[in-house]
N, C-alpha and C. Protein backbone atom coordinates (compact mmCIF):
# COMPACT_ATOMS: atom_id res chain seq x y z
N SER A 1 5.11 4.85 5.60
CA SER A 1 4.94 4.70 7.04
C SER A 1 3.74 3.83 7.38
N GLY A 2 3.06 3.34 6.40
CA GLY A 2 1.95 2.44 6.67
C GLY A 2 0.62 3.14 6.88
N GLU A 3 0.58 4.46 6.71
CA GLU A 3 -0.67 5.20 6.95
C GLU A 3 -1.79 4.74 6.02
N PHE A 4 -1.46 4.47 4.75
CA PHE A 4 -2.47 4.02 3.81
C PHE A 4 -3.04 2.67 4.26
N PHE A 5 -2.15 1.76 4.67
CA PHE A 5 -2.61 0.44 5.11
C PHE A 5 -3.47 0.54 6.36
N LYS A 6 -3.11 1.43 7.26
CA LYS A 6 -3.93 1.66 8.45
C LYS A 6 -5.33 2.12 8.04
N MET A 7 -5.39 3.01 7.05
CA MET A 7 -6.66 3.52 6.57
C MET A 7 -7.50 2.37 5.97
N VAL A 8 -6.85 1.47 5.23
CA VAL A 8 -7.55 0.33 4.64
C VAL A 8 -8.17 -0.52 5.75
N TYR A 9 -7.39 -0.83 6.76
CA TYR A 9 -7.90 -1.65 7.87
C TYR A 9 -9.04 -0.94 8.59
N GLU A 10 -8.89 0.35 8.84
CA GLU A 10 -9.95 1.10 9.53
C GLU A 10 -11.25 1.04 8.74
N GLU A 11 -11.19 1.27 7.44
CA GLU A 11 -12.39 1.26 6.61
C GLU A 11 -13.00 -0.14 6.53
N ALA A 12 -12.17 -1.17 6.66
CA ALA A 12 -12.67 -2.54 6.64
C ALA A 12 -13.14 -2.99 8.02
N GLY A 13 -12.97 -2.12 9.02
CA GLY A 13 -13.38 -2.46 10.38
C GLY A 13 -12.49 -3.51 11.02
N GLN A 14 -11.23 -3.54 10.64
CA GLN A 14 -10.28 -4.52 11.15
C GLN A 14 -9.15 -3.81 11.90
N THR A 15 -8.43 -4.58 12.67
CA THR A 15 -7.26 -4.07 13.38
C THR A 15 -6.01 -4.44 12.58
N PRO A 16 -5.16 -3.46 12.27
CA PRO A 16 -3.96 -3.80 11.50
C PRO A 16 -3.05 -4.74 12.28
N LYS A 17 -2.50 -5.72 11.55
CA LYS A 17 -1.59 -6.69 12.16
C LYS A 17 -0.35 -6.78 11.30
N PHE A 18 0.46 -5.77 11.31
CA PHE A 18 1.70 -5.80 10.56
C PHE A 18 2.74 -4.98 11.30
N GLY A 19 3.97 -5.21 10.96
CA GLY A 19 5.07 -4.48 11.58
C GLY A 19 6.20 -4.33 10.59
N THR A 20 7.32 -3.89 11.08
CA THR A 20 8.48 -3.70 10.22
C THR A 20 9.68 -4.41 10.82
N ILE A 21 10.65 -4.67 9.97
CA ILE A 21 11.91 -5.20 10.47
C ILE A 21 13.03 -4.29 9.96
N PRO A 22 14.08 -4.14 10.73
CA PRO A 22 15.18 -3.25 10.34
C PRO A 22 15.85 -3.72 9.04
N ASN A 23 16.40 -2.78 8.29
CA ASN A 23 17.08 -3.09 7.03
C ASN A 23 18.18 -4.12 7.21
N LEU A 24 18.92 -4.00 8.31
CA LEU A 24 20.01 -4.95 8.56
C LEU A 24 19.47 -6.37 8.67
N MET A 25 18.32 -6.52 9.30
CA MET A 25 17.72 -7.85 9.45
C MET A 25 17.30 -8.39 8.08
N VAL A 26 16.76 -7.52 7.23
CA VAL A 26 16.38 -7.94 5.88
C VAL A 26 17.61 -8.45 5.14
N LYS A 27 18.72 -7.73 5.26
CA LYS A 27 19.95 -8.13 4.58
C LYS A 27 20.47 -9.46 5.11
N MET A 28 20.41 -9.65 6.42
CA MET A 28 20.88 -10.91 7.01
C MET A 28 19.99 -12.07 6.58
N LEU A 29 18.67 -11.87 6.66
CA LEU A 29 17.75 -12.94 6.27
C LEU A 29 17.83 -13.23 4.78
N GLY A 30 18.19 -12.22 3.98
CA GLY A 30 18.35 -12.39 2.55
C GLY A 30 19.42 -13.41 2.19
N LEU A 31 20.35 -13.67 3.10
CA LEU A 31 21.37 -14.68 2.87
C LEU A 31 20.74 -16.08 2.82
N PHE A 32 19.61 -16.26 3.50
CA PHE A 32 19.00 -17.57 3.62
C PHE A 32 17.65 -17.69 2.90
N ILE A 33 17.01 -16.55 2.64
CA ILE A 33 15.69 -16.56 2.02
C ILE A 33 15.78 -15.80 0.70
N PRO A 34 15.76 -16.52 -0.41
CA PRO A 34 15.96 -15.87 -1.72
C PRO A 34 15.00 -14.71 -2.00
N ASN A 35 13.73 -14.82 -1.62
CA ASN A 35 12.79 -13.73 -1.89
C ASN A 35 13.17 -12.44 -1.18
N LEU A 36 13.79 -12.54 -0.02
CA LEU A 36 14.19 -11.34 0.70
C LEU A 36 15.36 -10.64 0.02
N ARG A 37 16.13 -11.37 -0.79
CA ARG A 37 17.20 -10.71 -1.55
C ARG A 37 16.60 -9.68 -2.49
N GLU A 38 15.45 -10.02 -3.06
CA GLU A 38 14.76 -9.08 -3.95
C GLU A 38 14.30 -7.84 -3.17
N VAL A 39 13.80 -8.05 -1.96
CA VAL A 39 13.34 -6.94 -1.12
C VAL A 39 14.52 -6.05 -0.77
N GLU A 40 15.65 -6.67 -0.46
CA GLU A 40 16.83 -5.90 -0.08
C GLU A 40 17.21 -4.90 -1.17
N GLU A 41 17.10 -5.31 -2.43
CA GLU A 41 17.45 -4.42 -3.53
C GLU A 41 16.53 -3.21 -3.63
N MET A 42 15.33 -3.31 -3.05
CA MET A 42 14.35 -2.24 -3.17
C MET A 42 14.24 -1.38 -1.91
N LEU A 43 15.04 -1.65 -0.90
CA LEU A 43 14.94 -0.93 0.38
C LEU A 43 15.11 0.58 0.22
N TYR A 44 15.94 1.00 -0.72
CA TYR A 44 16.17 2.43 -0.91
C TYR A 44 14.88 3.18 -1.19
N GLU A 45 13.89 2.49 -1.77
CA GLU A 45 12.63 3.15 -2.11
C GLU A 45 11.83 3.57 -0.87
N PHE A 46 12.15 3.00 0.27
CA PHE A 46 11.39 3.27 1.48
C PHE A 46 12.14 4.15 2.47
N GLU A 47 13.28 4.68 2.05
CA GLU A 47 14.08 5.52 2.94
C GLU A 47 13.62 6.97 2.94
N GLN A 48 12.93 7.39 1.87
CA GLN A 48 12.41 8.75 1.78
C GLN A 48 11.01 8.68 1.18
N PRO A 49 10.18 9.68 1.45
CA PRO A 49 8.82 9.68 0.90
C PRO A 49 8.84 9.76 -0.63
N PHE A 50 7.84 9.15 -1.24
CA PHE A 50 7.66 9.29 -2.68
C PHE A 50 7.08 10.66 -2.97
N VAL A 51 7.58 11.31 -4.00
CA VAL A 51 7.02 12.58 -4.46
C VAL A 51 6.40 12.30 -5.81
N VAL A 52 5.10 12.53 -5.92
CA VAL A 52 4.39 12.20 -7.15
C VAL A 52 3.86 13.47 -7.79
N ASN A 53 4.08 13.59 -9.09
CA ASN A 53 3.57 14.72 -9.85
C ASN A 53 2.44 14.19 -10.73
N HIS A 54 1.23 14.65 -10.48
CA HIS A 54 0.09 14.14 -11.23
C HIS A 54 -0.39 15.12 -12.30
N SER A 55 0.46 16.05 -12.70
CA SER A 55 0.03 17.10 -13.64
C SER A 55 -0.40 16.53 -14.99
N LYS A 56 0.30 15.51 -15.51
CA LYS A 56 -0.10 14.93 -16.80
C LYS A 56 -1.45 14.22 -16.67
N PHE A 57 -1.65 13.53 -15.56
CA PHE A 57 -2.93 12.86 -15.32
C PHE A 57 -4.05 13.90 -15.24
N ALA A 58 -3.82 14.96 -14.48
CA ALA A 58 -4.83 16.01 -14.32
C ALA A 58 -5.13 16.69 -15.64
N GLN A 59 -4.11 16.87 -16.45
CA GLN A 59 -4.31 17.49 -17.76
C GLN A 59 -5.20 16.60 -18.64
N ALA A 60 -5.00 15.29 -18.57
CA ALA A 60 -5.77 14.37 -19.40
C ALA A 60 -7.17 14.11 -18.86
N PHE A 61 -7.31 14.03 -17.52
CA PHE A 61 -8.58 13.61 -16.93
C PHE A 61 -9.25 14.64 -16.04
N GLY A 62 -8.58 15.74 -15.77
CA GLY A 62 -9.14 16.77 -14.90
C GLY A 62 -8.71 16.60 -13.46
N GLU A 63 -9.07 17.57 -12.67
CA GLU A 63 -8.65 17.60 -11.26
C GLU A 63 -9.61 16.86 -10.33
N ASN A 64 -10.67 16.29 -10.87
CA ASN A 64 -11.65 15.60 -10.03
C ASN A 64 -11.05 14.30 -9.51
N THR A 65 -10.75 14.28 -8.23
CA THR A 65 -10.20 13.07 -7.62
C THR A 65 -11.08 12.66 -6.45
N THR A 66 -11.03 11.39 -6.14
CA THR A 66 -11.76 10.86 -5.00
C THR A 66 -10.78 10.70 -3.85
N PRO A 67 -11.09 11.25 -2.68
CA PRO A 67 -10.19 11.07 -1.53
C PRO A 67 -9.99 9.58 -1.23
N HIS A 68 -8.80 9.23 -0.76
CA HIS A 68 -8.48 7.82 -0.49
C HIS A 68 -9.52 7.14 0.38
N ARG A 69 -9.87 7.78 1.49
CA ARG A 69 -10.79 7.14 2.43
C ARG A 69 -12.13 6.83 1.75
N GLU A 70 -12.64 7.77 0.97
CA GLU A 70 -13.91 7.56 0.28
C GLU A 70 -13.79 6.44 -0.75
N ALA A 71 -12.70 6.42 -1.49
CA ALA A 71 -12.49 5.38 -2.50
C ALA A 71 -12.39 4.01 -1.84
N LEU A 72 -11.68 3.93 -0.72
CA LEU A 72 -11.58 2.66 0.01
C LEU A 72 -12.94 2.20 0.50
N ARG A 73 -13.69 3.12 1.08
CA ARG A 73 -15.01 2.80 1.62
C ARG A 73 -15.91 2.25 0.50
N GLU A 74 -15.92 2.90 -0.65
CA GLU A 74 -16.75 2.45 -1.76
C GLU A 74 -16.29 1.10 -2.30
N THR A 75 -14.99 0.90 -2.38
CA THR A 75 -14.45 -0.37 -2.89
C THR A 75 -14.78 -1.51 -1.95
N ILE A 76 -14.58 -1.31 -0.65
CA ILE A 76 -14.87 -2.35 0.34
C ILE A 76 -16.36 -2.66 0.35
N THR A 77 -17.19 -1.64 0.28
CA THR A 77 -18.64 -1.85 0.23
C THR A 77 -19.02 -2.68 -0.99
N TRP A 78 -18.43 -2.36 -2.14
CA TRP A 78 -18.74 -3.11 -3.36
C TRP A 78 -18.38 -4.58 -3.20
N PHE A 79 -17.18 -4.86 -2.68
CA PHE A 79 -16.75 -6.25 -2.51
C PHE A 79 -17.64 -6.99 -1.51
N ARG A 80 -18.09 -6.31 -0.49
CA ARG A 80 -18.99 -6.95 0.48
C ARG A 80 -20.35 -7.26 -0.15
N GLN A 81 -20.77 -6.45 -1.10
CA GLN A 81 -22.04 -6.66 -1.78
C GLN A 81 -21.92 -7.69 -2.91
N HIS A 82 -20.72 -8.07 -3.26
CA HIS A 82 -20.47 -9.03 -4.33
C HIS A 82 -19.56 -10.17 -3.83
N PRO A 83 -20.04 -10.95 -2.86
CA PRO A 83 -19.16 -11.99 -2.28
C PRO A 83 -18.79 -13.08 -3.28
N GLN A 84 -19.53 -13.18 -4.38
CA GLN A 84 -19.23 -14.23 -5.35
C GLN A 84 -17.96 -13.91 -6.16
N VAL A 85 -17.50 -12.68 -6.12
CA VAL A 85 -16.30 -12.29 -6.87
C VAL A 85 -15.08 -12.86 -6.16
N LYS A 86 -14.24 -13.56 -6.93
CA LYS A 86 -13.03 -14.13 -6.35
C LYS A 86 -12.00 -13.03 -6.13
N HIS A 87 -11.38 -13.02 -4.97
CA HIS A 87 -10.39 -11.98 -4.63
C HIS A 87 -9.02 -12.38 -5.10
């Protein structure tokens, strides 16, 4: 639903500028734009939420996780402090 991307923009102090197009439009445009044909094949992945099981990861590395917002904030801060790094 774009919630993660909204969070990224918020932490970067920017306004999100993205939208969605209906699946039918993707299929129609795929007739003329080869890259959209690839997107069309993957549309099913966005029809229902992803369910992720992190039990193997937690078993290997522990339950210590960093909340998304905090991780984004730290990452954005690091990149701002290192402008010489190519993105």
